[in-house]
């Protein structure tokens, strides 16, 4: 599977955190139903409020997880493909063009 990073920013200031454990659990379950896996989820300080690392078989499912995160956590998202160490090494071994 490929790695993806989803960055989220709360839409309306700090959210009601009373259901955060249930929301995260639902997000993980929803990702699994899409055929993806949430590797980790972190709260951030700075420009973004949430970081989600996802393993997904393709871009469409990664975007599906981002949409689910957007609805579940009430965040606007930015998604990027993340290349692991092995992938980065493979790119470095490619001959120059």
PDB file of N, CA and C in Angstrom:
ATOM      1  N   UNK A   1       0.844  -1.183   0.000  1.00  0.00           N
ATOM      2  CA  UNK A   1       0.000   0.000   0.000  1.00  0.00           C
ATOM      3  C   UNK A   1       0.885   1.240   0.000  1.00  0.00           C
ATOM      4  N   UNK A   2       0.322   2.304  -0.454  1.00  0.00           N
ATOM      5  CA  UNK A   2       1.031   3.580  -0.503  1.00  0.00           C
ATOM      6  C   UNK A   2       0.699   4.415   0.734  1.00  0.00           C
ATOM      7  N   UNK A   3       1.616   5.296   1.096  1.00  0.00           N
ATOM      8  CA  UNK A   3       1.412   6.169   2.245  1.00  0.00           C
ATOM      9  C   UNK A   3       0.875   7.525   1.828  1.00  0.00           C
ATOM     10  N   UNK A   4       0.025   8.070   2.665  1.00  0.00           N
ATOM     11  CA  UNK A   4      -0.544   9.399   2.434  1.00  0.00           C
ATOM     12  C   UNK A   4      -0.575  10.157   3.750  1.00  0.00           C
ATOM     13  N   UNK A   5      -0.414  11.463   3.660  1.00  0.00           N
ATOM     14  CA  UNK A   5      -0.502  12.335   4.818  1.00  0.00           C
ATOM     15  C   UNK A   5      -1.711  13.244   4.602  1.00  0.00           C
ATOM     16  N   UNK A   6      -2.588  13.285   5.586  1.00  0.00           N
ATOM     17  CA  UNK A   6      -3.748  14.170   5.552  1.00  0.00           C
ATOM     18  C   UNK A   6      -3.567  15.198   6.657  1.00  0.00           C
ATOM     19  N   UNK A   7      -3.524  16.462   6.277  1.00  0.00           N
ATOM     20  CA  UNK A   7      -3.435  17.558   7.231  1.00  0.00           C
ATOM     21  C   UNK A   7      -4.801  18.201   7.329  1.00  0.00           C
ATOM     22  N   UNK A   8      -5.252  18.463   8.545  1.00  0.00           N
ATOM     23  CA  UNK A   8      -6.576  19.045   8.743  1.00  0.00           C
ATOM     24  C   UNK A   8      -6.535  20.311   9.566  1.00  0.00           C
ATOM     25  N   UNK A   9      -7.427  21.230   9.237  1.00  0.00           N
ATOM     26  CA  UNK A   9      -7.573  22.490   9.974  1.00  0.00           C
ATOM     27  C   UNK A   9      -9.036  22.606  10.390  1.00  0.00           C
ATOM     28  N   UNK A  10      -9.276  22.804  11.695  1.00  0.00           N
ATOM     29  CA  UNK A  10     -10.650  22.920  12.181  1.00  0.00           C
ATOM     30  C   UNK A  10     -11.358  24.073  11.468  1.00  0.00           C
ATOM     31  N   UNK A  11     -12.594  23.844  11.075  1.00  0.00           N
ATOM     32  CA  UNK A  11     -13.345  24.851  10.326  1.00  0.00           C
ATOM     33  C   UNK A  11     -13.869  25.984  11.201  1.00  0.00           C
ATOM     34  N   UNK A  12     -14.208  25.690  12.458  1.00  0.00           N
ATOM     35  CA  UNK A  12     -14.869  26.689  13.299  1.00  0.00           C
ATOM     36  C   UNK A  12     -14.189  26.804  14.658  1.00  0.00           C
ATOM     37  N   UNK A  13     -12.881  26.973  14.678  1.00  0.00           N
ATOM     38  CA  UNK A  13     -12.189  27.087  15.951  1.00  0.00           C
ATOM     39  C   UNK A  13     -12.134  25.755  16.663  1.00  0.00           C
ATOM     40  N   UNK A  14     -11.748  25.762  17.927  1.00  0.00           N
ATOM     41  CA  UNK A  14     -11.638  24.497  18.671  1.00  0.00           C
ATOM     42  C   UNK A  14     -12.974  23.760  18.710  1.00  0.00           C
ATOM     43  N   UNK A  15     -12.945  22.475  18.402  1.00  0.00           N
ATOM     44  CA  UNK A  15     -14.190  21.702  18.369  1.00  0.00           C
ATOM     45  C   UNK A  15     -14.635  21.258  19.753  1.00  0.00           C
ATOM     46  N   UNK A  16     -15.842  20.733  19.797  1.00  0.00           N
ATOM     47  CA  UNK A  16     -16.331  20.060  21.003  1.00  0.00           C
ATOM     48  C   UNK A  16     -15.605  18.722  21.073  1.00  0.00           C
ATOM     49  N   UNK A  17     -14.731  18.565  22.033  1.00  0.00           N
ATOM     50  CA  UNK A  17     -13.893  17.371  22.123  1.00  0.00           C
ATOM     51  C   UNK A  17     -14.533  16.256  22.949  1.00  0.00           C
ATOM     52  N   UNK A  18     -15.769  16.431  23.353  1.00  0.00           N
ATOM     53  CA  UNK A  18     -16.391  15.436  24.234  1.00  0.00           C
ATOM     54  C   UNK A  18     -16.556  14.068  23.571  1.00  0.00           C
ATOM     55  N   UNK A  19     -16.609  14.019  22.249  1.00  0.00           N
ATOM     56  CA  UNK A  19     -16.799  12.746  21.546  1.00  0.00           C
ATOM     57  C   UNK A  19     -15.585  12.356  20.707  1.00  0.00           C
ATOM     58  N   UNK A  20     -14.423  12.932  21.007  1.00  0.00           N
ATOM     59  CA  UNK A  20     -13.264  12.735  20.131  1.00  0.00           C
ATOM     60  C   UNK A  20     -12.862  11.262  20.020  1.00  0.00           C
ATOM     61  N   UNK A  21     -12.921  10.501  21.094  1.00  0.00           N
ATOM     62  CA  UNK A  21     -12.547   9.091  21.018  1.00  0.00           C
ATOM     63  C   UNK A  21     -13.492   8.330  20.094  1.00  0.00           C
ATOM     64  N   UNK A  22     -14.771   8.604  20.195  1.00  0.00           N
ATOM     65  CA  UNK A  22     -15.764   7.965  19.330  1.00  0.00           C
ATOM     66  C   UNK A  22     -15.562   8.402  17.873  1.00  0.00           C
ATOM     67  N   UNK A  23     -15.261   9.688  17.659  1.00  0.00           N
ATOM     68  CA  UNK A  23     -15.039  10.190  16.303  1.00  0.00           C
ATOM     69  C   UNK A  23     -13.829   9.515  15.658  1.00  0.00           C
ATOM     70  N   UNK A  24     -12.743   9.384  16.404  1.00  0.00           N
ATOM     71  CA  UNK A  24     -11.532   8.749  15.881  1.00  0.00           C
ATOM     72  C   UNK A  24     -11.789   7.275  15.588  1.00  0.00           C
ATOM     73  N   UNK A  25     -12.488   6.605  16.477  1.00  0.00           N
ATOM     74  CA  UNK A  25     -12.831   5.199  16.254  1.00  0.00           C
ATOM     75  C   UNK A  25     -13.667   5.043  14.991  1.00  0.00           C
ATOM     76  N   UNK A  26     -14.645   5.919  14.813  1.00  0.00           N
ATOM     77  CA  UNK A  26     -15.479   5.878  13.610  1.00  0.00           C
ATOM     78  C   UNK A  26     -14.679   6.158  12.350  1.00  0.00           C
ATOM     79  N   UNK A  27     -13.732   7.068  12.451  1.00  0.00           N
ATOM     80  CA  UNK A  27     -12.873   7.381  11.309  1.00  0.00           C
ATOM     81  C   UNK A  27     -12.031   6.168  10.925  1.00  0.00           C
ATOM     82  N   UNK A  28     -11.473   5.487  11.911  1.00  0.00           N
ATOM     83  CA  UNK A  28     -10.665   4.289  11.640  1.00  0.00           C
ATOM     84  C   UNK A  28     -11.508   3.180  11.018  1.00  0.00           C
ATOM     85  N   UNK A  29     -12.701   2.993  11.549  1.00  0.00           N
ATOM     86  CA  UNK A  29     -13.597   1.973  10.997  1.00  0.00           C
ATOM     87  C   UNK A  29     -13.987   2.317   9.561  1.00  0.00           C
ATOM     88  N   UNK A  30     -14.299   3.587   9.328  1.00  0.00           N
ATOM     89  CA  UNK A  30     -14.652   4.025   7.976  1.00  0.00           C
ATOM     90  C   UNK A  30     -13.505   3.843   6.993  1.00  0.00           C
ATOM     91  N   UNK A  31     -12.288   4.126   7.425  1.00  0.00           N
ATOM     92  CA  UNK A  31     -11.120   3.933   6.564  1.00  0.00           C
ATOM     93  C   UNK A  31     -10.964   2.464   6.195  1.00  0.00           C
ATOM     94  N   UNK A  32     -11.157   1.573   7.177  1.00  0.00           N
ATOM     95  CA  UNK A  32     -11.057   0.139   6.911  1.00  0.00           C
ATOM     96  C   UNK A  32     -12.120  -0.308   5.907  1.00  0.00           C
ATOM     97  N   UNK A  33     -13.307   0.249   6.003  1.00  0.00           N
ATOM     98  CA  UNK A  33     -14.367  -0.092   5.044  1.00  0.00           C
ATOM     99  C   UNK A  33     -14.008   0.362   3.635  1.00  0.00           C
ATOM    100  N   UNK A  34     -13.188   1.414   3.543  1.00  0.00           N
ATOM    101  CA  UNK A  34     -12.727   1.888   2.235  1.00  0.00           C
ATOM    102  C   UNK A  34     -11.519   1.095   1.725  1.00  0.00           C
ATOM    103  N   UNK A  35     -10.994   0.191   2.558  1.00  0.00           N
ATOM    104  CA  UNK A  35      -9.833  -0.593   2.167  1.00  0.00           C
ATOM    105  C   UNK A  35      -8.514   0.076   2.520  1.00  0.00           C
ATOM    106  N   UNK A  36      -8.551   1.053   3.409  1.00  0.00           N
ATOM    107  CA  UNK A  36      -7.355   1.776   3.840  1.00  0.00           C
ATOM    108  C   UNK A  36      -7.136   1.528   5.334  1.00  0.00           C
ATOM    109  N   UNK A  37      -6.006   2.012   5.823  1.00  0.00           N
ATOM    110  CA  UNK A  37      -5.703   1.857   7.250  1.00  0.00           C
ATOM    111  C   UNK A  37      -5.093   3.149   7.772  1.00  0.00           C
ATOM    112  N   UNK A  38      -5.615   3.626   8.893  1.00  0.00           N
ATOM    113  CA  UNK A  38      -5.031   4.796   9.536  1.00  0.00           C
ATOM    114  C   UNK A  38      -3.872   4.319  10.403  1.00  0.00           C
ATOM    115  N   UNK A  39      -2.672   4.757  10.053  1.00  0.00           N
ATOM    116  CA  UNK A  39      -1.460   4.378  10.770  1.00  0.00           C
ATOM    117  C   UNK A  39      -1.370   5.152  12.079  1.00  0.00           C
ATOM    118  N   UNK A  40      -1.760   6.409  12.044  1.00  0.00           N
ATOM    119  CA  UNK A  40      -1.710   7.240  13.240  1.00  0.00           C
ATOM    120  C   UNK A  40      -2.453   8.538  13.030  1.00  0.00           C
ATOM    121  N   UNK A  41      -2.851   9.144  14.128  1.00  0.00           N
ATOM    122  CA  UNK A  41      -3.552  10.422  14.117  1.00  0.00           C
ATOM    123  C   UNK A  41      -3.001  11.254  15.265  1.00  0.00           C
ATOM    124  N   UNK A  42      -2.607  12.488  14.962  1.00  0.00           N
ATOM    125  CA  UNK A  42      -2.019  13.365  15.959  1.00  0.00           C
ATOM    126  C   UNK A  42      -2.666  14.738  15.911  1.00  0.00           C
ATOM    127  N   UNK A  43      -2.806  15.363  17.073  1.00  0.00           N
ATOM    128  CA  UNK A  43      -3.205  16.776  17.158  1.00  0.00           C
ATOM    129  C   UNK A  43      -1.930  17.594  17.033  1.00  0.00           C
ATOM    130  N   UNK A  44      -2.018  18.731  16.348  1.00  0.00           N
ATOM    131  CA  UNK A  44      -0.848  19.561  16.090  1.00  0.00           C
ATOM    132  C   UNK A  44      -1.022  20.955  16.665  1.00  0.00           C
ATOM    133  N   UNK A  45       0.086  21.614  16.885  1.00  0.00           N
ATOM    134  CA  UNK A  45       0.092  23.039  17.196  1.00  0.00           C
ATOM    135  C   UNK A  45       0.717  23.723  15.980  1.00  0.00           C
ATOM    136  N   UNK A  46       0.120  24.811  15.533  1.00  0.00           N
ATOM    137  CA  UNK A  46       0.668  25.497  14.374  1.00  0.00           C
ATOM    138  C   UNK A  46      -0.379  25.684  13.304  1.00  0.00           C
ATOM    139  N   UNK A  47       0.066  25.716  12.053  1.00  0.00           N
ATOM    140  CA  UNK A  47      -0.819  25.995  10.918  1.00  0.00           C
ATOM    141  C   UNK A  47      -1.954  24.975  10.789  1.00  0.00           C
ATOM    142  N   UNK A  48      -1.655  23.711  11.049  1.00  0.00           N
ATOM    143  CA  UNK A  48      -2.659  22.659  10.959  1.00  0.00           C
ATOM    144  C   UNK A  48      -2.979  22.140  12.357  1.00  0.00           C
ATOM    145  N   UNK A  49      -4.180  21.571  12.503  1.00  0.00           N
ATOM    146  CA  UNK A  49      -4.642  21.082  13.798  1.00  0.00           C
ATOM    147  C   UNK A  49      -4.560  19.567  13.936  1.00  0.00           C
ATOM    148  N   UNK A  50      -4.594  18.852  12.811  1.00  0.00           N
ATOM    149  CA  UNK A  50      -4.635  17.390  12.835  1.00  0.00           C
ATOM    150  C   UNK A  50      -3.722  16.839  11.747  1.00  0.00           C
ATOM    151  N   UNK A  51      -2.995  15.767  12.069  1.00  0.00           N
ATOM    152  CA  UNK A  51      -2.189  15.023  11.101  1.00  0.00           C
ATOM    153  C   UNK A  51      -2.652  13.577  11.134  1.00  0.00           C
ATOM    154  N   UNK A  52      -2.998  13.043   9.964  1.00  0.00           N
ATOM    155  CA  UNK A  52      -3.420  11.653   9.846  1.00  0.00           C
ATOM    156  C   UNK A  52      -2.512  10.986   8.823  1.00  0.00           C
ATOM    157  N   UNK A  53      -1.908   9.867   9.206  1.00  0.00           N
ATOM    158  CA  UNK A  53      -1.080   9.091   8.282  1.00  0.00           C
ATOM    159  C   UNK A  53      -1.878   7.859   7.887  1.00  0.00           C
ATOM    160  N   UNK A  54      -1.984   7.639   6.574  1.00  0.00           N
ATOM    161  CA  UNK A  54      -2.860   6.597   6.033  1.00  0.00           C
ATOM    162  C   UNK A  54      -2.087   5.694   5.083  1.00  0.00           C
ATOM    163  N   UNK A  55      -2.335   4.400   5.142  1.00  0.00           N
ATOM    164  CA  UNK A  55      -1.922   3.450   4.109  1.00  0.00           C
ATOM    165  C   UNK A  55      -3.158   3.162   3.280  1.00  0.00           C
ATOM    166  N   UNK A  56      -3.040   3.354   1.965  1.00  0.00           N
ATOM    167  CA  UNK A  56      -4.173   3.105   1.075  1.00  0.00           C
ATOM    168  C   UNK A  56      -3.663   2.507  -0.226  1.00  0.00           C
ATOM    169  N   UNK A  57      -4.460   1.659  -0.869  1.00  0.00           N
ATOM    170  CA  UNK A  57      -4.005   1.027  -2.104  1.00  0.00           C
ATOM    171  C   UNK A  57      -3.939   1.972  -3.298  1.00  0.00           C
ATOM    172  N   UNK A  58      -4.649   3.091  -3.221  1.00  0.00           N
ATOM    173  CA  UNK A  58      -4.634   4.030  -4.346  1.00  0.00           C
ATOM    174  C   UNK A  58      -5.128   5.409  -3.893  1.00  0.00           C
ATOM    175  N   UNK A  59      -4.969   6.378  -4.794  1.00  0.00           N
ATOM    176  CA  UNK A  59      -5.329   7.756  -4.480  1.00  0.00           C
ATOM    177  C   UNK A  59      -6.816   7.916  -4.179  1.00  0.00           C
ATOM    178  N   UNK A  60      -7.646   7.190  -4.899  1.00  0.00           N
ATOM    179  CA  UNK A  60      -9.092   7.333  -4.703  1.00  0.00           C
ATOM    180  C   UNK A  60      -9.496   6.982  -3.275  1.00  0.00           C
ATOM    181  N   UNK A  61      -8.917   5.943  -2.731  1.00  0.00           N
ATOM    182  CA  UNK A  61      -9.260   5.556  -1.355  1.00  0.00           C
ATOM    183  C   UNK A  61      -8.656   6.520  -0.348  1.00  0.00           C
ATOM    184  N   UNK A  62      -7.476   7.048  -0.638  1.00  0.00           N
ATOM    185  CA  UNK A  62      -6.876   8.057   0.244  1.00  0.00           C
ATOM    186  C   UNK A  62      -7.745   9.310   0.282  1.00  0.00           C
ATOM    187  N   UNK A  63      -8.242   9.714  -0.873  1.00  0.00           N
ATOM    188  CA  UNK A  63      -9.145  10.873  -0.925  1.00  0.00           C
ATOM    189  C   UNK A  63     -10.448  10.559  -0.190  1.00  0.00           C
ATOM    190  N   UNK A  64     -10.895   9.326  -0.272  1.00  0.00           N
ATOM    191  CA  UNK A  64     -12.083   8.923   0.477  1.00  0.00           C
ATOM    192  C   UNK A  64     -11.879   9.062   1.977  1.00  0.00           C
ATOM    193  N   UNK A  65     -10.703   8.677   2.466  1.00  0.00           N
ATOM    194  CA  UNK A  65     -10.400   8.832   3.891  1.00  0.00           C
ATOM    195  C   UNK A  65     -10.341  10.313   4.257  1.00  0.00           C
ATOM    196  N   UNK A  66      -9.763  11.131   3.382  1.00  0.00           N
ATOM    197  CA  UNK A  66      -9.703  12.573   3.645  1.00  0.00           C
ATOM    198  C   UNK A  66     -11.110  13.161   3.734  1.00  0.00           C
ATOM    199  N   UNK A  67     -11.991  12.734   2.858  1.00  0.00           N
ATOM    200  CA  UNK A  67     -13.381  13.201   2.915  1.00  0.00           C
ATOM    201  C   UNK A  67     -14.076  12.757   4.180  1.00  0.00           C
ATOM    202  N   UNK A  68     -13.829  11.530   4.575  1.00  0.00           N
ATOM    203  CA  UNK A  68     -14.402  11.012   5.813  1.00  0.00           C
ATOM    204  C   UNK A  68     -13.865  11.791   7.015  1.00  0.00           C
ATOM    205  N   UNK A  69     -12.563  12.075   7.026  1.00  0.00           N
ATOM    206  CA  UNK A  69     -11.968  12.867   8.106  1.00  0.00           C
ATOM    207  C   UNK A  69     -12.562  14.263   8.139  1.00  0.00           C
ATOM    208  N   UNK A  70     -12.774  14.823   6.971  1.00  0.00           N
ATOM    209  CA  UNK A  70     -13.361  16.161   6.879  1.00  0.00           C
ATOM    210  C   UNK A  70     -14.728  16.217   7.546  1.00  0.00           C
ATOM    211  N   UNK A  71     -15.547  15.228   7.242  1.00  0.00           N
ATOM    212  CA  UNK A  71     -16.896  15.188   7.827  1.00  0.00           C
ATOM    213  C   UNK A  71     -16.880  14.818   9.306  1.00  0.00           C
ATOM    214  N   UNK A  72     -16.078  13.831   9.661  1.00  0.00           N
ATOM    215  CA  UNK A  72     -16.072  13.314  11.029  1.00  0.00           C
ATOM    216  C   UNK A  72     -15.483  14.307  12.026  1.00  0.00           C
ATOM    217  N   UNK A  73     -14.371  14.943  11.639  1.00  0.00           N
ATOM    218  CA  UNK A  73     -13.657  15.835  12.553  1.00  0.00           C
ATOM    219  C   UNK A  73     -13.939  17.311  12.292  1.00  0.00           C
ATOM    220  N   UNK A  74     -14.761  17.604  11.271  1.00  0.00           N
ATOM    221  CA  UNK A  74     -15.094  18.982  10.888  1.00  0.00           C
ATOM    222  C   UNK A  74     -13.832  19.791  10.577  1.00  0.00           C
ATOM    223  N   UNK A  75     -13.009  19.220   9.687  1.00  0.00           N
ATOM    224  CA  UNK A  75     -11.777  19.884   9.276  1.00  0.00           C
ATOM    225  C   UNK A  75     -11.748  20.040   7.758  1.00  0.00           C
ATOM    226  N   UNK A  76     -11.072  21.078   7.303  1.00  0.00           N
ATOM    227  CA  UNK A  76     -10.726  21.147   5.888  1.00  0.00           C
ATOM    228  C   UNK A  76      -9.400  20.404   5.761  1.00  0.00           C
ATOM    229  N   UNK A  77      -9.207  19.688   4.650  1.00  0.00           N
ATOM    230  CA  UNK A  77      -8.044  18.812   4.547  1.00  0.00           C
ATOM    231  C   UNK A  77      -7.155  19.161   3.366  1.00  0.00           C
ATOM    232  N   UNK A  78      -5.911  18.752   3.505  1.00  0.00           N
ATOM    233  CA  UNK A  78      -4.923  18.802   2.431  1.00  0.00           C
ATOM    234  C   UNK A  78      -4.232  17.448   2.464  1.00  0.00           C
ATOM    235  N   UNK A  79      -4.202  16.761   1.329  1.00  0.00           N
ATOM    236  CA  UNK A  79      -3.676  15.404   1.279  1.00  0.00           C
ATOM    237  C   UNK A  79      -2.452  15.352   0.372  1.00  0.00           C
ATOM    238  N   UNK A  80      -1.425  14.629   0.798  1.00  0.00           N
ATOM    239  CA  UNK A  80      -0.211  14.475  -0.001  1.00  0.00           C
ATOM    240  C   UNK A  80       0.243  13.019   0.029  1.00  0.00           C
ATOM    241  N   UNK A  81       0.795  12.574  -1.074  1.00  0.00           N
ATOM    242  CA  UNK A  81       1.404  11.239  -1.142  1.00  0.00           C
ATOM    243  C   UNK A  81       2.696  11.283  -0.350  1.00  0.00           C
ATOM    244  N   UNK A  82       2.916  10.301   0.491  1.00  0.00           N
ATOM    245  CA  UNK A  82       4.132  10.219   1.305  1.00  0.00           C
ATOM    246  C   UNK A  82       4.943   9.008   0.850  1.00  0.00           C
ATOM    247  N   UNK A  83       6.198   9.232   0.550  1.00  0.00           N
ATOM    248  CA  UNK A  83       7.067   8.161   0.079  1.00  0.00           C
ATOM    249  C   UNK A  83       7.943   7.680   1.228  1.00  0.00           C
ATOM    250  N   UNK A  84       7.899   6.384   1.510  1.00  0.00           N
ATOM    251  CA  UNK A  84       8.678   5.799   2.596  1.00  0.00           C
ATOM    252  C   UNK A  84      10.159   5.697   2.247  1.00  0.00           C
ATOM    253  N   UNK A  85      10.935   5.262   3.211  1.00  0.00           N
ATOM    254  CA  UNK A  85      12.387   5.153   3.033  1.00  0.00           C
ATOM    255  C   UNK A  85      12.752   4.263   1.846  1.00  0.00           C
ATOM    256  N   UNK A  86      12.098   3.119   1.721  1.00  0.00           N
ATOM    257  CA  UNK A  86      12.402   2.198   0.620  1.00  0.00           C
ATOM    258  C   UNK A  86      12.085   2.843  -0.726  1.00  0.00           C
ATOM    259  N   UNK A  87      10.962   3.534  -0.797  1.00  0.00           N
ATOM    260  CA  UNK A  87      10.587   4.193  -2.048  1.00  0.00           C
ATOM    261  C   UNK A  87      11.569   5.317  -2.387  1.00  0.00           C
ATOM    262  N   UNK A  88      11.971   6.072  -1.391  1.00  0.00           N
ATOM    263  CA  UNK A  88      12.919   7.154  -1.606  1.00  0.00           C
ATOM    264  C   UNK A  88      14.262   6.600  -2.080  1.00  0.00           C
ATOM    265  N   UNK A  89      14.697   5.498  -1.490  1.00  0.00           N
ATOM    266  CA  UNK A  89      15.943   4.864  -1.917  1.00  0.00           C
ATOM    267  C   UNK A  89      15.846   4.377  -3.361  1.00  0.00           C
ATOM    268  N   UNK A  90      14.697   3.816  -3.724  1.00  0.00           N
ATOM    269  CA  UNK A  90      14.497   3.349  -5.103  1.00  0.00           C
ATOM    270  C   UNK A  90      14.572   4.517  -6.083  1.00  0.00           C
ATOM    271  N   UNK A  91      14.014   5.646  -5.724  1.00  0.00           N
ATOM    272  CA  UNK A  91      14.081   6.832  -6.581  1.00  0.00           C
ATOM    273  C   UNK A  91      15.531   7.285  -6.713  1.00  0.00           C
ATOM    274  N   UNK A  92      16.269   7.261  -5.610  1.00  0.00           N
ATOM    275  CA  UNK A  92      17.664   7.715  -5.629  1.00  0.00           C
ATOM    276  C   UNK A  92      18.532   6.812  -6.509  1.00  0.00           C
ATOM    277  N   UNK A  93      18.172   5.541  -6.652  1.00  0.00           N
ATOM    278  CA  UNK A  93      18.945   4.596  -7.459  1.00  0.00           C
ATOM    279  C   UNK A  93      18.658   4.721  -8.951  1.00  0.00           C
ATOM    280  N   UNK A  94      17.625   5.470  -9.311  1.00  0.00           N
ATOM    281  CA  UNK A  94      17.285   5.624 -10.729  1.00  0.00           C
ATOM    282  C   UNK A  94      18.380   6.407 -11.442  1.00  0.00           C
ATOM    283  N   UNK A  95      18.726   5.991 -12.648  1.00  0.00           N
ATOM    284  CA  UNK A  95      19.750   6.747 -13.386  1.00  0.00           C
ATOM    285  C   UNK A  95      19.203   8.125 -13.787  1.00  0.00           C
ATOM    286  N   UNK A  96      20.083   9.130 -13.859  1.00  0.00           N
ATOM    287  CA  UNK A  96      19.621  10.461 -14.268  1.00  0.00           C
ATOM    288  C   UNK A  96      19.123  10.445 -15.707  1.00  0.00           C
ATOM    289  N   UNK A  97      18.195  11.299 -15.996  1.00  0.00           N
ATOM    290  CA  UNK A  97      17.642  11.372 -17.365  1.00  0.00           C
ATOM    291  C   UNK A  97      18.330  12.441 -18.152  1.00  0.00           C
TER     292      UNK A  97
END
